N, C-alpha and C. Protein backbone atom coordinates (compact mmCIF):
# COMPACT_ATOMS: atom_id res chain seq x y z
N PRO A 1 -49.96 6.57 -54.65
CA PRO A 1 -48.68 6.47 -54.53
C PRO A 1 -48.02 7.84 -54.89
N ASN A 2 -48.56 8.64 -55.71
CA ASN A 2 -47.83 9.87 -56.44
C ASN A 2 -48.55 10.94 -55.96
N ALA A 3 -48.04 12.16 -56.18
CA ALA A 3 -48.72 13.47 -56.02
C ALA A 3 -49.48 13.71 -57.14
N GLY A 4 -50.72 14.17 -57.00
CA GLY A 4 -51.47 14.61 -58.13
C GLY A 4 -52.87 15.06 -57.83
N ASN A 5 -53.67 15.44 -58.69
CA ASN A 5 -55.06 15.94 -58.41
C ASN A 5 -56.00 14.68 -58.17
N ALA A 6 -56.78 14.90 -57.09
CA ALA A 6 -57.93 13.85 -56.65
C ALA A 6 -59.14 14.48 -56.52
N ARG A 7 -60.23 13.60 -57.26
CA ARG A 7 -61.60 14.26 -57.21
C ARG A 7 -62.29 13.11 -56.44
N LEU A 8 -63.16 13.45 -55.29
CA LEU A 8 -64.06 12.53 -54.65
C LEU A 8 -65.27 13.24 -54.67
N LYS A 9 -66.51 12.33 -55.25
CA LYS A 9 -67.73 12.69 -55.34
C LYS A 9 -68.59 11.77 -54.76
N LEU A 10 -69.84 12.21 -54.40
CA LEU A 10 -70.92 11.65 -53.65
C LEU A 10 -72.08 11.60 -54.53
N TYR A 11 -72.54 10.39 -54.76
CA TYR A 11 -73.76 10.06 -55.73
C TYR A 11 -74.83 9.17 -54.91
N ASN A 12 -76.04 9.50 -55.24
CA ASN A 12 -77.09 8.52 -54.74
C ASN A 12 -77.19 7.48 -55.71
N VAL A 13 -78.08 6.43 -55.32
CA VAL A 13 -78.02 5.03 -55.93
C VAL A 13 -78.66 5.34 -57.33
N LYS A 14 -79.44 6.39 -57.62
CA LYS A 14 -79.79 6.65 -59.05
C LYS A 14 -78.63 7.26 -59.92
N GLY A 15 -77.67 7.44 -59.26
CA GLY A 15 -76.55 7.99 -60.05
C GLY A 15 -76.45 9.52 -60.14
N GLN A 16 -77.05 10.15 -59.53
CA GLN A 16 -77.29 11.64 -59.30
C GLN A 16 -76.07 12.15 -58.51
N LEU A 17 -75.50 13.09 -59.12
CA LEU A 17 -74.21 13.63 -58.27
C LEU A 17 -74.96 14.50 -57.21
N LEU A 18 -74.43 14.25 -55.88
CA LEU A 18 -75.02 15.20 -54.79
C LEU A 18 -74.14 16.08 -54.24
N GLU A 19 -72.87 15.75 -54.33
CA GLU A 19 -71.73 16.63 -53.72
C GLU A 19 -70.22 16.39 -54.27
N VAL A 20 -69.44 17.21 -54.63
CA VAL A 20 -68.02 17.12 -55.00
C VAL A 20 -67.37 17.46 -53.52
N LEU A 21 -66.81 16.26 -52.89
CA LEU A 21 -66.25 16.49 -51.58
C LEU A 21 -64.86 16.86 -51.75
N ALA A 22 -64.15 16.73 -52.68
CA ALA A 22 -62.74 17.15 -52.92
C ALA A 22 -62.48 17.06 -54.43
N ASP A 23 -61.58 18.12 -54.65
CA ASP A 23 -61.19 18.33 -56.04
C ASP A 23 -60.01 19.26 -56.06
N GLU A 24 -58.87 18.62 -55.39
CA GLU A 24 -57.54 19.49 -55.33
C GLU A 24 -56.37 18.64 -55.63
N LEU A 25 -55.23 19.16 -55.48
CA LEU A 25 -53.90 18.54 -55.65
C LEU A 25 -53.44 18.09 -54.16
N TYR A 26 -53.02 16.86 -54.24
CA TYR A 26 -52.57 16.08 -52.99
C TYR A 26 -51.19 15.78 -53.16
N SER A 27 -50.55 15.74 -52.10
CA SER A 27 -49.07 15.14 -52.00
C SER A 27 -49.18 13.74 -51.95
N GLN A 28 -48.18 13.06 -52.07
CA GLN A 28 -47.88 11.55 -52.13
C GLN A 28 -48.14 11.20 -50.82
N GLY A 29 -48.85 10.17 -50.54
CA GLY A 29 -49.05 9.56 -49.33
C GLY A 29 -50.70 9.20 -49.12
N LYS A 30 -51.11 8.89 -47.73
CA LYS A 30 -52.44 8.73 -47.30
C LYS A 30 -53.21 10.06 -46.78
N HIS A 31 -54.36 10.11 -47.21
CA HIS A 31 -55.02 11.34 -46.67
C HIS A 31 -56.39 10.95 -46.23
N ASN A 32 -56.94 11.62 -45.17
CA ASN A 32 -58.06 11.36 -44.52
C ASN A 32 -59.08 12.67 -44.93
N LEU A 33 -60.33 12.55 -45.03
CA LEU A 33 -61.43 13.58 -45.36
C LEU A 33 -62.71 13.18 -44.39
N ALA A 34 -63.01 14.15 -43.71
CA ALA A 34 -64.26 14.26 -42.82
C ALA A 34 -65.34 14.68 -43.70
N MET A 35 -66.44 13.86 -43.74
CA MET A 35 -67.69 14.26 -44.20
C MET A 35 -68.86 14.51 -43.35
N ASP A 36 -69.47 15.51 -43.70
CA ASP A 36 -70.78 15.68 -42.78
C ASP A 36 -72.03 15.36 -43.52
N MET A 37 -72.52 14.21 -43.21
CA MET A 37 -73.66 13.50 -43.79
C MET A 37 -75.03 13.91 -43.08
N SER A 38 -75.08 14.90 -42.28
CA SER A 38 -76.10 15.18 -41.57
C SER A 38 -77.43 15.41 -42.30
N GLU A 39 -77.21 16.19 -43.47
CA GLU A 39 -78.28 16.70 -44.31
C GLU A 39 -78.94 15.58 -45.23
N TYR A 40 -78.07 14.42 -45.20
CA TYR A 40 -78.67 13.21 -46.03
C TYR A 40 -79.38 12.16 -45.20
N ALA A 41 -80.37 11.60 -45.86
CA ALA A 41 -81.34 10.57 -45.20
C ALA A 41 -80.37 9.31 -45.24
N SER A 42 -80.95 8.49 -44.21
CA SER A 42 -80.36 7.03 -44.25
C SER A 42 -80.54 6.34 -45.58
N GLY A 43 -79.52 5.56 -45.97
CA GLY A 43 -79.54 4.75 -47.30
C GLY A 43 -78.08 4.50 -47.86
N ILE A 44 -78.28 4.17 -49.07
CA ILE A 44 -76.96 3.62 -49.80
C ILE A 44 -76.61 4.85 -50.59
N TYR A 45 -75.29 5.12 -50.70
CA TYR A 45 -74.67 6.17 -51.35
C TYR A 45 -73.32 5.54 -52.07
N ILE A 46 -72.99 6.28 -53.24
CA ILE A 46 -71.52 5.81 -53.95
C ILE A 46 -70.56 6.89 -53.83
N LEU A 47 -69.51 6.50 -53.29
CA LEU A 47 -68.31 7.39 -53.43
C LEU A 47 -67.40 7.14 -54.74
N SER A 48 -67.09 8.08 -55.42
CA SER A 48 -66.33 7.84 -56.69
C SER A 48 -64.95 8.77 -56.40
N LEU A 49 -63.85 8.03 -56.53
CA LEU A 49 -62.64 8.62 -56.40
C LEU A 49 -61.84 8.47 -57.79
N GLU A 50 -61.50 9.75 -58.35
CA GLU A 50 -60.70 9.64 -59.58
C GLU A 50 -59.30 10.55 -59.43
N SER A 51 -58.39 9.65 -59.83
CA SER A 51 -57.19 10.15 -59.61
C SER A 51 -55.96 9.22 -60.60
N ALA A 52 -55.06 9.98 -61.05
CA ALA A 52 -54.06 9.58 -61.88
C ALA A 52 -54.68 8.58 -62.98
N GLY A 53 -55.79 9.02 -63.62
CA GLY A 53 -56.45 8.42 -64.59
C GLY A 53 -57.09 7.15 -64.27
N LYS A 54 -57.19 6.89 -62.96
CA LYS A 54 -58.00 5.68 -62.41
C LYS A 54 -59.26 6.18 -61.63
N LYS A 55 -60.13 5.25 -61.67
CA LYS A 55 -61.43 5.57 -61.00
C LYS A 55 -61.84 4.34 -60.17
N LEU A 56 -62.26 4.74 -58.98
CA LEU A 56 -62.62 3.66 -57.74
C LEU A 56 -63.93 4.12 -57.29
N GLN A 57 -64.83 3.12 -57.16
CA GLN A 57 -66.16 3.51 -56.71
C GLN A 57 -66.53 2.61 -55.48
N LYS A 58 -67.05 3.00 -54.52
CA LYS A 58 -67.41 2.25 -53.28
C LYS A 58 -68.84 2.49 -52.71
N ARG A 59 -69.76 1.70 -52.53
CA ARG A 59 -70.91 1.75 -51.92
C ARG A 59 -70.81 1.91 -50.43
N ILE A 60 -71.52 3.04 -49.93
CA ILE A 60 -71.45 3.18 -48.52
C ILE A 60 -72.97 3.25 -47.93
N THR A 61 -73.13 3.00 -46.85
CA THR A 61 -74.62 2.93 -46.14
C THR A 61 -74.53 3.84 -45.15
N LEU A 62 -75.40 4.51 -45.00
CA LEU A 62 -75.56 5.81 -44.02
C LEU A 62 -76.81 5.36 -43.18
N MET A 63 -76.43 5.22 -41.99
CA MET A 63 -77.59 4.49 -40.87
C MET A 63 -77.55 5.83 -39.77
N LYS A 64 -78.82 6.36 -39.65
CA LYS A 64 -78.85 7.37 -38.63
C LYS A 64 -79.66 6.76 -37.49
């Protein structure tokens, strides 16, 4: 809801950081981010979003 820094990270199921997808200042509102997952194998991954002192994690499944 407010402008601020947002950091989006991609982890494997072992908790290892694979990639920082975004780490920058965003304006207020909704934003989209395209991810190129072609170098990763099919499986389960975790997206972690940190912004305004809050952290949200979601499991995603990549199927090729």
